[in-house]
PDB file of N, CA and C in Angstrom:
ATOM      1  N   THR A   1     128.659 118.642  43.252  1.00  0.00           N
ATOM      2  CA  THR A   1     129.676 117.883  42.990  1.00  0.00           C
ATOM      3  C   THR A   1     131.135 118.154  42.824  1.00  0.00           C
ATOM      4  N   THR A   2     131.245 119.777  42.302  1.00  0.00           N
ATOM      5  CA  THR A   2     132.443 120.049  42.641  1.00  0.00           C
ATOM      6  C   THR A   2     132.533 120.675  43.882  1.00  0.00           C
ATOM      7  N   ALA A   3     131.663 121.020  44.596  1.00  0.00           N
ATOM      8  CA  ALA A   3     131.907 121.760  46.307  1.00  0.00           C
ATOM      9  C   ALA A   3     131.933 120.460  46.944  1.00  0.00           C
ATOM     10  N   ALA A   4     131.642 119.319  46.799  1.00  0.00           N
ATOM     11  CA  ALA A   4     131.775 118.128  47.319  1.00  0.00           C
ATOM     12  C   ALA A   4     133.155 117.540  46.955  1.00  0.00           C
ATOM     13  N   ALA A   5     133.733 117.473  46.001  1.00  0.00           N
ATOM     14  CA  ALA A   5     135.115 117.282  45.337  1.00  0.00           C
ATOM     15  C   ALA A   5     136.204 118.509  46.306  1.00  0.00           C
ATOM     16  N   SER A   6     135.559 119.354  46.281  1.00  0.00           N
ATOM     17  CA  SER A   6     136.446 120.810  46.714  1.00  0.00           C
ATOM     18  C   SER A   6     136.622 120.439  48.508  1.00  0.00           C
ATOM     19  N   ALA A   7     135.767 120.172  49.113  1.00  0.00           N
ATOM     20  CA  ALA A   7     135.666 119.896  50.247  1.00  0.00           C
ATOM     21  C   ALA A   7     136.390 118.622  50.787  1.00  0.00           C
ATOM     22  N   SER A   8     136.551 117.437  49.822  1.00  0.00           N
ATOM     23  CA  SER A   8     137.118 116.322  50.327  1.00  0.00           C
ATOM     24  C   SER A   8     138.444 116.467  50.243  1.00  0.00           C
ATOM     25  N   SER A   9     139.040 117.478  49.070  1.00  0.00           N
ATOM     26  CA  SER A   9     140.330 117.920  49.204  1.00  0.00           C
ATOM     27  C   SER A   9     140.773 118.577  50.684  1.00  0.00           C
ATOM     28  N   GLU A  10     139.798 119.283  51.049  1.00  0.00           N
ATOM     29  CA  GLU A  10     140.468 120.236  52.156  1.00  0.00           C
ATOM     30  C   GLU A  10     140.645 119.427  53.839  1.00  0.00           C
ATOM     31  N   VAL A  11     139.966 118.212  53.650  1.00  0.00           N
ATOM     32  CA  VAL A  11     139.732 117.493  54.962  1.00  0.00           C
ATOM     33  C   VAL A  11     141.071 116.574  54.952  1.00  0.00           C
ATOM     34  N   LYS A  12     141.651 116.759  56.156  1.00  0.00           N
ATOM     35  CA  LYS A  12     142.759 115.801  56.557  1.00  0.00           C
ATOM     36  C   LYS A  12     142.632 114.980  57.486  1.00  0.00           C
ATOM     37  N   SER A  13     143.572 113.761  57.462  1.00  0.00           N
ATOM     38  CA  SER A  13     143.003 112.974  58.673  1.00  0.00           C
ATOM     39  C   SER A  13     144.294 111.960  58.886  1.00  0.00           C
ATOM     40  N   SER A  14     144.411 111.600  60.211  1.00  0.00           N
ATOM     41  CA  SER A  14     145.645 110.633  60.579  1.00  0.00           C
ATOM     42  C   SER A  14     144.669 109.595  61.680  1.00  0.00           C
ATOM     43  N   ALA A  15     144.705 108.223  61.431  1.00  0.00           N
ATOM     44  CA  ALA A  15     144.181 107.287  62.088  1.00  0.00           C
ATOM     45  C   ALA A  15     145.143 106.304  62.676  1.00  0.00           C
ATOM     46  N   VAL A  16     144.610 106.568  64.179  1.00  0.00           N
ATOM     47  CA  VAL A  16     145.980 105.773  65.063  1.00  0.00           C
ATOM     48  C   VAL A  16     145.362 104.982  65.688  1.00  0.00           C
ATOM     49  N   ALA A  17     145.486 103.779  65.773  1.00  0.00           N
ATOM     50  CA  ALA A  17     144.825 102.754  67.072  1.00  0.00           C
ATOM     51  C   ALA A  17     145.982 102.876  68.107  1.00  0.00           C
ATOM     52  N   LYS A  18     144.847 102.925  69.568  1.00  0.00           N
ATOM     53  CA  LYS A  18     145.881 102.515  70.328  1.00  0.00           C
ATOM     54  C   LYS A  18     145.216 102.016  71.760  1.00  0.00           C
ATOM     55  N   PRO A  19     145.702 101.037  72.285  1.00  0.00           N
ATOM     56  CA  PRO A  19     145.134 100.002  73.479  1.00  0.00           C
ATOM     57  C   PRO A  19     144.921 101.198  74.952  1.00  0.00           C
ATOM     58  N   VAL A  20     143.829 101.167  75.398  1.00  0.00           N
ATOM     59  CA  VAL A  20     144.057 101.566  76.952  1.00  0.00           C
ATOM     60  C   VAL A  20     143.598 100.951  77.463  1.00  0.00           C
ATOM     61  N   ALA A  21     143.266 101.055  79.126  1.00  0.00           N
ATOM     62  CA  ALA A  21     143.007 100.241  80.137  1.00  0.00           C
ATOM     63  C   ALA A  21     141.803  99.368  79.898  1.00  0.00           C
ATOM     64  N   ALA A  22     141.542  98.134  80.120  1.00  0.00           N
ATOM     65  CA  ALA A  22     140.620  97.443  80.311  1.00  0.00           C
ATOM     66  C   ALA A  22     139.364  97.866  80.622  1.00  0.00           C
ATOM     67  N   ALA A  23     139.398  98.512  81.728  1.00  0.00           N
ATOM     68  CA  ALA A  23     138.266  99.388  82.094  1.00  0.00           C
ATOM     69  C   ALA A  23     137.284 100.078  81.140  1.00  0.00           C
ATOM     70  N   GLU A  24     138.475 100.989  80.409  1.00  0.00           N
ATOM     71  CA  GLU A  24     138.137 102.024  79.018  1.00  0.00           C
ATOM     72  C   GLU A  24     137.357 101.167  78.095  1.00  0.00           C
ATOM     73  N   THR A  25     137.351  99.703  77.941  1.00  0.00           N
ATOM     74  CA  THR A  25     137.367  99.472  76.361  1.00  0.00           C
ATOM     75  C   THR A  25     135.775  99.127  76.035  1.00  0.00           C
ATOM     76  N   SER A  26     134.984  98.860  76.887  1.00  0.00           N
ATOM     77  CA  SER A  26     133.717  98.878  76.544  1.00  0.00           C
ATOM     78  C   SER A  26     132.512  99.408  77.278  1.00  0.00           C
ATOM     79  N   ARG A  27     131.053  99.507  76.905  1.00  0.00           N
ATOM     80  CA  ARG A  27     130.199  99.911  77.944  1.00  0.00           C
ATOM     81  C   ARG A  27     129.442  98.554  78.225  1.00  0.00           C
ATOM     82  N   ILE A  28     129.201  98.035  79.146  1.00  0.00           N
ATOM     83  CA  ILE A  28     128.077  96.448  79.307  1.00  0.00           C
ATOM     84  C   ILE A  28     126.617  97.137  79.743  1.00  0.00           C
ATOM     85  N   ASN A  29     125.795  95.965  78.785  1.00  0.00           N
ATOM     86  CA  ASN A  29     124.280  96.587  79.111  1.00  0.00           C
ATOM     87  C   ASN A  29     124.225  95.219  79.202  1.00  0.00           C
ATOM     88  N   ASN A  30     123.298  94.983  80.620  1.00  0.00           N
ATOM     89  CA  ASN A  30     122.550  93.905  81.165  1.00  0.00           C
ATOM     90  C   ASN A  30     120.991  93.836  80.176  1.00  0.00           C
ATOM     91  N   LEU A  31     120.693  93.074  79.817  1.00  0.00           N
ATOM     92  CA  LEU A  31     119.804  92.752  78.688  1.00  0.00           C
ATOM     93  C   LEU A  31     118.413  91.980  79.417  1.00  0.00           C
ATOM     94  N   GLY A  32     118.492  91.627  80.764  1.00  0.00           N
ATOM     95  CA  GLY A  32     117.690  91.570  81.813  1.00  0.00           C
ATOM     96  C   GLY A  32     117.443  90.044  81.373  1.00  0.00           C
ATOM     97  N   SER A  33     117.792  89.661  80.420  1.00  0.00           N
ATOM     98  CA  SER A  33     117.918  87.911  80.466  1.00  0.00           C
ATOM     99  C   SER A  33     118.545  87.104  81.245  1.00  0.00           C
ATOM    100  N   GLY A  34     119.371  87.527  81.767  1.00  0.00           N
ATOM    101  CA  GLY A  34     121.136  87.135  82.452  1.00  0.00           C
ATOM    102  C   GLY A  34     121.974  87.056  81.224  1.00  0.00           C
ATOM    103  N   GLU A  35     122.018  87.674  80.367  1.00  0.00           N
ATOM    104  CA  GLU A  35     122.973  87.923  79.285  1.00  0.00           C
ATOM    105  C   GLU A  35     123.618  89.280  79.318  1.00  0.00           C
ATOM    106  N   ILE A  36     124.814  89.287  79.139  1.00  0.00           N
ATOM    107  CA  ILE A  36     125.388  90.471  79.095  1.00  0.00           C
ATOM    108  C   ILE A  36     125.834  90.707  77.769  1.00  0.00           C
ATOM    109  N   GLU A  37     125.698  91.854  77.094  1.00  0.00           N
ATOM    110  CA  GLU A  37     126.386  92.039  75.488  1.00  0.00           C
ATOM    111  C   GLU A  37     127.026  93.134  76.140  1.00  0.00           C
ATOM    112  N   ALA A  38     128.350  93.290  75.078  1.00  0.00           N
ATOM    113  CA  ALA A  38     129.527  94.662  75.381  1.00  0.00           C
ATOM    114  C   ALA A  38     128.912  95.145  73.963  1.00  0.00           C
ATOM    115  N   SER A  39     129.227  96.584  73.928  1.00  0.00           N
ATOM    116  CA  SER A  39     128.163  97.566  73.009  1.00  0.00           C
ATOM    117  C   SER A  39     129.603  98.210  72.057  1.00  0.00           C
ATOM    118  N   VAL A  40     129.001  98.611  71.128  1.00  0.00           N
ATOM    119  CA  VAL A  40     130.301  99.635  70.101  1.00  0.00           C
ATOM    120  C   VAL A  40     129.487 100.943  70.827  1.00  0.00           C
ATOM    121  N   THR A  41     130.723 101.756  71.035  1.00  0.00           N
ATOM    122  CA  THR A  41     130.576 103.359  71.180  1.00  0.00           C
ATOM    123  C   THR A  41     131.454 104.184  70.431  1.00  0.00           C
ATOM    124  N   VAL A  42     130.915 105.012  69.995  1.00  0.00           N
ATOM    125  CA  VAL A  42     131.371 106.178  69.513  1.00  0.00           C
ATOM    126  C   VAL A  42     131.420 107.429  69.925  1.00  0.00           C
ATOM    127  N   LYS A  43     132.449 108.423  69.907  1.00  0.00           N
ATOM    128  CA  LYS A  43     132.581 109.548  70.689  1.00  0.00           C
ATOM    129  C   LYS A  43     133.474 110.636  70.192  1.00  0.00           C
ATOM    130  N   PRO A  44     132.963 111.680  69.271  1.00  0.00           N
ATOM    131  CA  PRO A  44     133.669 112.602  68.624  1.00  0.00           C
ATOM    132  C   PRO A  44     134.027 113.529  70.149  1.00  0.00           C
ATOM    133  N   ILE A  45     135.381 113.486  70.073  1.00  0.00           N
ATOM    134  CA  ILE A  45     135.919 114.756  71.264  1.00  0.00           C
ATOM    135  C   ILE A  45     136.513 115.976  70.305  1.00  0.00           C
ATOM    136  N   PRO A  46     136.629 117.219  71.009  1.00  0.00           N
ATOM    137  CA  PRO A  46     135.269 117.867  71.513  1.00  0.00           C
ATOM    138  C   PRO A  46     134.039 117.798  70.494  1.00  0.00           C
ATOM    139  N   ASN A  47     132.934 117.987  70.990  1.00  0.00           N
ATOM    140  CA  ASN A  47     131.697 118.214  70.186  1.00  0.00           C
ATOM    141  C   ASN A  47     130.844 118.983  70.746  1.00  0.00           C
ATOM    142  N   PRO A  48     130.726 120.615  70.152  1.00  0.00           N
ATOM    143  CA  PRO A  48     131.282 121.275  68.754  1.00  0.00           C
ATOM    144  C   PRO A  48     132.731 121.436  69.117  1.00  0.00           C
ATOM    145  N   PHE A  49     133.167 121.408  67.613  1.00  0.00           N
ATOM    146  CA  PHE A  49     134.499 121.896  67.670  1.00  0.00           C
ATOM    147  C   PHE A  49     135.010 122.586  66.919  1.00  0.00           C
ATOM    148  N   LYS A  50     136.096 123.433  66.742  1.00  0.00           N
ATOM    149  CA  LYS A  50     136.325 124.604  65.514  1.00  0.00           C
ATOM    150  C   LYS A  50     137.317 123.617  64.498  1.00  0.00           C
ATOM    151  N   ASN A  51     138.068 122.810  64.361  1.00  0.00           N
ATOM    152  CA  ASN A  51     138.756 122.420  63.376  1.00  0.00           C
ATOM    153  C   ASN A  51     139.367 121.044  63.377  1.00  0.00           C
ATOM    154  N   GLN A  52     139.513 120.824  64.558  1.00  0.00           N
ATOM    155  CA  GLN A  52     139.845 119.154  64.850  1.00  0.00           C
ATOM    156  C   GLN A  52     138.965 118.376  65.983  1.00  0.00           C
ATOM    157  N   VAL A  53     138.984 117.390  65.492  1.00  0.00           N
ATOM    158  CA  VAL A  53     137.693 116.263  66.448  1.00  0.00           C
ATOM    159  C   VAL A  53     138.655 115.191  66.558  1.00  0.00           C
ATOM    160  N   ARG A  54     138.454 114.532  67.613  1.00  0.00           N
ATOM    161  CA  ARG A  54     138.861 113.146  67.794  1.00  0.00           C
ATOM    162  C   ARG A  54     138.176 111.801  67.642  1.00  0.00           C
ATOM    163  N   PHE A  55     137.674 111.145  67.265  1.00  0.00           N
ATOM    164  CA  PHE A  55     136.930 110.054  67.500  1.00  0.00           C
ATOM    165  C   PHE A  55     137.463 109.255  68.708  1.00  0.00           C
ATOM    166  N   LEU A  56     136.746 108.636  69.580  1.00  0.00           N
ATOM    167  CA  LEU A  56     137.067 107.275  70.322  1.00  0.00           C
ATOM    168  C   LEU A  56     136.255 106.255  69.993  1.00  0.00           C
ATOM    169  N   ILE A  57     136.237 105.515  69.442  1.00  0.00           N
ATOM    170  CA  ILE A  57     135.614 104.247  69.302  1.00  0.00           C
ATOM    171  C   ILE A  57     135.581 102.835  70.034  1.00  0.00           C
ATOM    172  N   ASN A  58     135.011 102.557  70.682  1.00  0.00           N
ATOM    173  CA  ASN A  58     135.007 101.326  71.801  1.00  0.00           C
ATOM    174  C   ASN A  58     134.298 100.494  70.972  1.00  0.00           C
ATOM    175  N   THR A  59     135.161  99.194  70.620  1.00  0.00           N
ATOM    176  CA  THR A  59     134.517  97.893  70.160  1.00  0.00           C
ATOM    177  C   THR A  59     134.601  96.638  70.794  1.00  0.00           C
ATOM    178  N   PRO A  60     133.810  95.473  71.131  1.00  0.00           N
ATOM    179  CA  PRO A  60     134.434  94.470  71.838  1.00  0.00           C
ATOM    180  C   PRO A  60     134.651  93.572  71.170  1.00  0.00           C
ATOM    181  N   THR A  61     134.780  93.749  70.018  1.00  0.00           N
ATOM    182  CA  THR A  61     135.406  92.588  68.938  1.00  0.00           C
ATOM    183  C   THR A  61     135.802  93.068  68.106  1.00  0.00           C
ATOM    184  N   SER A  62     136.794  92.632  67.169  1.00  0.00           N
ATOM    185  CA  SER A  62     137.941  92.949  66.408  1.00  0.00           C
ATOM    186  C   SER A  62     137.233  92.844  64.934  1.00  0.00           C
ATOM    187  N   GLY A  63     137.795  93.174  64.039  1.00  0.00           N
ATOM    188  CA  GLY A  63     137.087  93.143  62.554  1.00  0.00           C
ATOM    189  C   GLY A  63     136.957  94.503  61.554  1.00  0.00           C
ATOM    190  N   ASN A  64     136.961  94.144  60.526  1.00  0.00           N
ATOM    191  CA  ASN A  64     136.930  95.557  59.434  1.00  0.00           C
ATOM    192  C   ASN A  64     135.952  96.163  59.663  1.00  0.00           C
ATOM    193  N   GLY A  65     136.276  97.423  59.394  1.00  0.00           N
ATOM    194  CA  GLY A  65     135.360  98.521  59.500  1.00  0.00           C
ATOM    195  C   GLY A  65     136.050  99.832  59.091  1.00  0.00           C
ATOM    196  N   SER A  66     134.556 100.934  59.438  1.00  0.00           N
ATOM    197  CA  SER A  66     135.074 102.295  58.381  1.00  0.00           C
ATOM    198  C   SER A  66     134.579 103.369  59.134  1.00  0.00           C
ATOM    199  N   LEU A  67     134.850 104.505  59.090  1.00  0.00           N
ATOM    200  CA  LEU A  67     134.539 105.884  59.601  1.00  0.00           C
ATOM    201  C   LEU A  67     134.251 106.849  58.435  1.00  0.00           C
ATOM    202  N   ASP A  68     132.970 107.029  58.247  1.00  0.00           N
ATOM    203  CA  ASP A  68     133.005 108.068  57.248  1.00  0.00           C
ATOM    204  C   ASP A  68     132.337 109.360  57.518  1.00  0.00           C
ATOM    205  N   ILE A  69     132.612 110.582  56.770  1.00  0.00           N
ATOM    206  CA  ILE A  69     132.010 111.710  56.968  1.00  0.00           C
ATOM    207  C   ILE A  69     131.366 112.081  55.866  1.00  0.00           C
ATOM    208  N   PHE A  70     130.550 112.610  56.109  1.00  0.00           N
ATOM    209  CA  PHE A  70     129.688 113.179  55.052  1.00  0.00           C
ATOM    210  C   PHE A  70     128.830 114.959  55.508  1.00  0.00           C
ATOM    211  N   ASN A  71     129.048 115.658  54.569  1.00  0.00           N
ATOM    212  CA  ASN A  71     128.287 116.678  54.702  1.00  0.00           C
ATOM    213  C   ASN A  71     126.723 116.781  55.148  1.00  0.00           C
ATOM    214  N   ILE A  72     126.199 117.725  55.427  1.00  0.00           N
ATOM    215  CA  ILE A  72     124.467 118.000  55.942  1.00  0.00           C
ATOM    216  C   ILE A  72     124.009 117.471  54.687  1.00  0.00           C
ATOM    217  N   GLN A  73     124.447 117.545  53.282  1.00  0.00           N
ATOM    218  CA  GLN A  73     123.456 117.642  52.297  1.00  0.00           C
ATOM    219  C   GLN A  73     123.727 115.732  51.887  1.00  0.00           C
ATOM    220  N   GLY A  74     124.491 114.695  52.606  1.00  0.00           N
ATOM    221  CA  GLY A  74     124.601 113.672  52.403  1.00  0.00           C
ATOM    222  C   GLY A  74     125.663 113.160  51.714  1.00  0.00           C
ATOM    223  N   GLN A  75     126.737 114.254  51.246  1.00  0.00           N
ATOM    224  CA  GLN A  75     127.716 113.700  50.349  1.00  0.00           C
ATOM    225  C   GLN A  75     128.845 113.710  51.172  1.00  0.00           C
ATOM    226  N   LYS A  76     129.429 112.244  50.756  1.00  0.00           N
ATOM    227  CA  LYS A  76     130.658 111.960  51.373  1.00  0.00           C
ATOM    228  C   LYS A  76     131.623 112.850  51.109  1.00  0.00           C
ATOM    229  N   ILE A  77     132.587 113.166  52.033  1.00  0.00           N
ATOM    230  CA  ILE A  77     133.322 113.994  52.052  1.00  0.00           C
ATOM    231  C   ILE A  77     134.891 113.370  52.281  1.00  0.00           C
ATOM    232  N   LYS A  78     134.744 112.250  53.292  1.00  0.00           N
ATOM    233  CA  LYS A  78     135.779 111.747  53.412  1.00  0.00           C
ATOM    234  C   LYS A  78     135.636 110.256  54.134  1.00  0.00           C
ATOM    235  N   THR A  79     136.372 109.451  53.844  1.00  0.00           N
ATOM    236  CA  THR A  79     136.570 108.440  54.689  1.00  0.00           C
ATOM    237  C   THR A  79     137.381 108.150  55.665  1.00  0.00           C
ATOM    238  N   LEU A  80     137.136 108.591  56.605  1.00  0.00           N
ATOM    239  CA  LEU A  80     138.499 108.580  57.336  1.00  0.00           C
ATOM    240  C   LEU A  80     139.493 107.545  57.876  1.00  0.00           C
ATOM    241  N   TYR A  81     138.591 106.408  57.826  1.00  0.00           N
ATOM    242  CA  TYR A  81     139.410 104.867  58.189  1.00  0.00           C
ATOM    243  C   TYR A  81     138.651 104.124  57.590  1.00  0.00           C
ATOM    244  N   GLN A  82     139.181 103.369  56.898  1.00  0.00           N
ATOM    245  CA  GLN A  82     138.787 101.640  56.356  1.00  0.00           C
ATOM    246  C   GLN A  82     139.586 100.804  56.469  1.00  0.00           C
ATOM    247  N   GLY A  83     139.318  99.717  57.366  1.00  0.00           N
ATOM    248  CA  GLY A  83     140.366  98.558  57.650  1.00  0.00           C
ATOM    249  C   GLY A  83     140.339  97.907  58.590  1.00  0.00           C
ATOM    250  N   TYR A  84     141.165  97.032  59.129  1.00  0.00           N
ATOM    251  CA  TYR A  84     140.920  96.241  60.401  1.00  0.00           C
ATOM    252  C   TYR A  84     140.948  97.485  61.883  1.00  0.00           C
ATOM    253  N   ILE A  85     139.902  97.063  62.677  1.00  0.00           N
ATOM    254  CA  ILE A  85     139.708  97.325  63.794  1.00  0.00           C
ATOM    255  C   ILE A  85     139.826  96.740  65.074  1.00  0.00           C
ATOM    256  N   PRO A  86     140.966  96.956  65.810  1.00  0.00           N
ATOM    257  CA  PRO A  86     141.161  95.994  67.072  1.00  0.00           C
ATOM    258  C   PRO A  86     139.961  95.974  68.166  1.00  0.00           C
ATOM    259  N   ALA A  87     139.604  94.851  68.899  1.00  0.00           N
ATOM    260  CA  ALA A  87     139.128  95.601  69.734  1.00  0.00           C
ATOM    261  C   ALA A  87     139.513  96.251  71.065  1.00  0.00           C
ATOM    262  N   GLY A  88     138.661  97.095  71.364  1.00  0.00           N
ATOM    263  CA  GLY A  88     139.132  97.815  72.629  1.00  0.00           C
ATOM    264  C   GLY A  88     138.858  99.383  72.101  1.00  0.00           C
ATOM    265  N   ALA A  89     139.825 100.246  72.548  1.00  0.00           N
ATOM    266  CA  ALA A  89     139.380 101.430  72.575  1.00  0.00           C
ATOM    267  C   ALA A  89     140.791 102.253  71.214  1.00  0.00           C
ATOM    268  N   ASN A  90     140.058 102.609  70.235  1.00  0.00           N
ATOM    269  CA  ASN A  90     140.324 103.246  68.927  1.00  0.00           C
ATOM    270  C   ASN A  90     140.134 104.664  68.540  1.00  0.00           C
ATOM    271  N   PHE A  91     141.505 105.389  68.265  1.00  0.00           N
ATOM    272  CA  PHE A  91     141.550 107.019  68.019  1.00  0.00           C
ATOM    273  C   PHE A  91     141.618 107.060  66.691  1.00  0.00           C
ATOM    274  N   PHE A  92     140.778 108.235  66.181  1.00  0.00           N
ATOM    275  CA  PHE A  92     140.711 108.598  64.778  1.00  0.00           C
ATOM    276  C   PHE A  92     140.615 109.873  64.769  1.00  0.00           C
ATOM    277  N   ASP A  93     141.255 110.657  64.416  1.00  0.00           N
ATOM    278  CA  ASP A  93     141.820 111.971  64.225  1.00  0.00           C
ATOM    279  C   ASP A  93     141.064 112.409  62.693  1.00  0.00           C
ATOM    280  N   LEU A  94     140.524 113.863  62.812  1.00  0.00           N
ATOM    281  CA  LEU A  94     139.927 114.464  61.554  1.00  0.00           C
ATOM    282  C   LEU A  94     140.217 115.897  61.850  1.00  0.00           C
ATOM    283  N   THR A  95     140.935 116.446  60.899  1.00  0.00           N
ATOM    284  CA  THR A  95     141.385 118.176  60.653  1.00  0.00           C
ATOM    285  C   THR A  95     140.126 118.286  59.673  1.00  0.00           C
ATOM    286  N   VAL A  96     139.339 119.707  60.215  1.00  0.00           N
ATOM    287  CA  VAL A  96     138.618 120.231  58.903  1.00  0.00           C
ATOM    288  C   VAL A  96     139.373 121.771  58.943  1.00  0.00           C
ATOM    289  N   PRO A  97     139.389 122.707  58.096  1.00  0.00           N
ATOM    290  CA  PRO A  97     139.642 123.703  57.900  1.00  0.00           C
ATOM    291  C   PRO A  97     138.881 124.691  58.669  1.00  0.00           C
ATOM    292  N   VAL A  98     138.954 125.271  59.208  1.00  0.00           N
ATOM    293  CA  VAL A  98     138.215 126.553  59.850  1.00  0.00           C
ATOM    294  C   VAL A  98     137.519 127.336  58.801  1.00  0.00           C
ATOM    295  N   GLN A  99     137.758 127.401  57.412  1.00  0.00           N
ATOM    296  CA  GLN A  99     137.083 128.639  56.236  1.00  0.00           C
ATOM    297  C   GLN A  99     135.892 127.212  55.816  1.00  0.00           C
ATOM    298  N   ARG A 100     136.245 125.914  55.978  1.00  0.00           N
ATOM    299  CA  ARG A 100     134.955 124.860  55.799  1.00  0.00           C
ATOM    300  C   ARG A 100     133.969 125.120  56.727  1.00  0.00           C
ATOM    301  N   GLN A 101     133.390 125.945  57.162  1.00  0.00           N
ATOM    302  CA  GLN A 101     132.128 125.836  58.049  1.00  0.00           C
ATOM    303  C   GLN A 101     130.826 125.150  57.654  1.00  0.00           C
ATOM    304  N   GLY A 102     130.429 124.140  58.991  1.00  0.00           N
ATOM    305  CA  GLY A 102     129.104 123.776  58.695  1.00  0.00           C
ATOM    306  C   GLY A 102     129.212 122.189  59.197  1.00  0.00           C
ATOM    307  N   ASP A 103     128.205 121.810  59.667  1.00  0.00           N
ATOM    308  CA  ASP A 103     127.990 120.724  60.324  1.00  0.00           C
ATOM    309  C   ASP A 103     128.252 119.404  59.535  1.00  0.00           C
ATOM    310  N   LEU A 104     128.484 118.354  59.917  1.00  0.00           N
ATOM    311  CA  LEU A 104     128.913 117.256  59.329  1.00  0.00           C
ATOM    312  C   LEU A 104     128.453 115.991  60.173  1.00  0.00           C
ATOM    313  N   ILE A 105     128.347 114.730  59.343  1.00  0.00           N
ATOM    314  CA  ILE A 105     127.418 113.572  59.890  1.00  0.00           C
ATOM    315  C   ILE A 105     128.769 112.502  60.237  1.00  0.00           C
ATOM    316  N   TYR A 106     128.719 111.472  61.072  1.00  0.00           N
ATOM    317  CA  TYR A 106     129.527 110.577  60.984  1.00  0.00           C
ATOM    318  C   TYR A 106     128.797 109.288  60.796  1.00  0.00           C
ATOM    319  N   ILE A 107     129.598 108.380  59.919  1.00  0.00           N
ATOM    320  CA  ILE A 107     128.789 106.971  59.980  1.00  0.00           C
ATOM    321  C   ILE A 107     130.436 105.903  60.426  1.00  0.00           C
ATOM    322  N   PHE A 108     129.638 105.029  61.676  1.00  0.00           N
ATOM    323  CA  PHE A 108     131.065 104.141  61.811  1.00  0.00           C
ATOM    324  C   PHE A 108     129.943 102.881  61.573  1.00  0.00           C
ATOM    325  N   THR A 109     130.772 101.985  60.792  1.00  0.00           N
ATOM    326  CA  THR A 109     130.282 100.734  60.260  1.00  0.00           C
ATOM    327  C   THR A 109     131.142  99.910  60.729  1.00  0.00           C
ATOM    328  N   GLN A 110     130.880  98.480  61.326  1.00  0.00           N
ATOM    329  CA  GLN A 110     131.866  97.108  61.830  1.00  0.00           C
ATOM    330  C   GLN A 110     131.057  96.344  61.924  1.00  0.00           C
ATOM    331  N   GLY A 111     130.973  95.138  60.791  1.00  0.00           N
ATOM    332  CA  GLY A 111     129.760  94.330  60.635  1.00  0.00           C
ATOM    333  C   GLY A 111     128.519  94.460  60.456  1.00  0.00           C
ATOM    334  N   ASN A 112     127.715  94.006  61.419  1.00  0.00           N
ATOM    335  CA  ASN A 112     126.210  94.390  61.600  1.00  0.00           C
ATOM    336  C   ASN A 112     126.108  95.644  62.421  1.00  0.00           C
ATOM    337  N   THR A 113     126.732  96.154  62.865  1.00  0.00           N
ATOM    338  CA  THR A 113     126.788  97.583  63.579  1.00  0.00           C
ATOM    339  C   THR A 113     126.899  98.776  62.728  1.00  0.00           C
ATOM    340  N   ARG A 114     125.840  99.821  63.100  1.00  0.00           N
ATOM    341  CA  ARG A 114     126.356 100.740  62.311  1.00  0.00           C
ATOM    342  C   ARG A 114     125.774 102.253  63.419  1.00  0.00           C
ATOM    343  N   LEU A 115     126.678 102.969  63.551  1.00  0.00           N
ATOM    344  CA  LEU A 115     126.473 103.973  64.450  1.00  0.00           C
ATOM    345  C   LEU A 115     126.804 105.231  63.746  1.00  0.00           C
ATOM    346  N   SER A 116     125.542 106.783  63.937  1.00  0.00           N
ATOM    347  CA  SER A 116     125.910 107.455  63.192  1.00  0.00           C
ATOM    348  C   SER A 116     125.508 108.910  64.529  1.00  0.00           C
ATOM    349  N   GLY A 117     125.777 110.163  63.768  1.00  0.00           N
ATOM    350  CA  GLY A 117     125.954 110.987  64.649  1.00  0.00           C
ATOM    351  C   GLY A 117     126.329 112.501  63.812  1.00  0.00           C
ATOM    352  N   LYS A 118     125.871 113.387  64.854  1.00  0.00           N
ATOM    353  CA  LYS A 118     126.516 115.017  63.983  1.00  0.00           C
ATOM    354  C   LYS A 118     127.523 115.241  64.709  1.00  0.00           C
ATOM    355  N   LEU A 119     128.415 116.065  63.861  1.00  0.00           N
ATOM    356  CA  LEU A 119     129.716 117.071  64.240  1.00  0.00           C
ATOM    357  C   LEU A 119     129.161 118.235  63.792  1.00  0.00           C
ATOM    358  N   ILE A 120     129.758 119.358  65.050  1.00  0.00           N
ATOM    359  CA  ILE A 120     129.057 120.669  64.768  1.00  0.00           C
ATOM    360  C   ILE A 120     130.343 121.527  64.998  1.00  0.00           C
ATOM    361  N   GLN A 121     130.633 122.207  63.765  1.00  0.00           N
ATOM    362  CA  GLN A 121     131.954 123.075  63.722  1.00  0.00           C
ATOM    363  C   GLN A 121     131.620 124.442  64.212  1.00  0.00           C
ATOM    364  N   ILE A 122     132.381 125.191  65.192  1.00  0.00           N
ATOM    365  CA  ILE A 122     131.805 126.559  65.468  1.00  0.00           C
ATOM    366  C   ILE A 122     132.812 127.386  64.980  1.00  0.00           C
ATOM    367  N   ASN A 123     132.178 128.661  64.861  1.00  0.00           N
ATOM    368  CA  ASN A 123     132.774 129.508  64.006  1.00  0.00           C
ATOM    369  C   ASN A 123     134.191 129.803  64.589  1.00  0.00           C
ATOM    370  N   GLY A 124     135.160 130.077  63.581  1.00  0.00           N
ATOM    371  CA  GLY A 124     136.591 130.068  63.859  1.00  0.00           C
ATOM    372  C   GLY A 124     136.814 131.293  64.817  1.00  0.00           C
ATOM    373  N   ASN A 125     136.089 131.807  65.002  1.00  0.00           N
ATOM    374  CA  ASN A 125     136.672 133.346  66.217  1.00  0.00           C
ATOM    375  C   ASN A 125     135.981 132.716  68.038  1.00  0.00           C
ATOM    376  N   ASN A 126     135.505 131.798  67.948  1.00  0.00           N
ATOM    377  CA  ASN A 126     135.110 131.027  68.794  1.00  0.00           C
ATOM    378  C   ASN A 126     136.376 130.373  69.194  1.00  0.00           C
ATOM    379  N   ARG A 127     136.438 130.117  70.935  1.00  0.00           N
ATOM    380  CA  ARG A 127     137.384 129.278  71.267  1.00  0.00           C
ATOM    381  C   ARG A 127     136.836 128.117  71.576  1.00  0.00           C
ATOM    382  N   ASN A 128     137.847 126.977  71.128  1.00  0.00           N
ATOM    383  CA  ASN A 128     137.480 125.201  71.451  1.00  0.00           C
ATOM    384  C   ASN A 128     138.313 124.987  72.337  1.00  0.00           C
TER     385      ASN A 128
END
């Protein structure tokens, strides 16, 4: 618990939602039944990363959501963002000190949608 609390205090973030061109707002999937459904995408850039990563989250609908960061043991170390997320492209920045080495897990939740992935932090001696 102390390690998780320590890690939590080391992670800094800033969240900024920015609109982008309509062509970048969502990926379209053809369901084969004549229906078209827009899907939510989450892309951490870059991954692997040294100490900073930017999340690009595209969502076809507006609504409340959250982006949480966990260590590999499953302990939450940071709620990067929680609140209203407009439809379209949204950016969220995460800074993790180089001294805090280790892979992380992210979970994005909005409505009934829940997406997760792994963040790989590279050694501070490597270039990002």
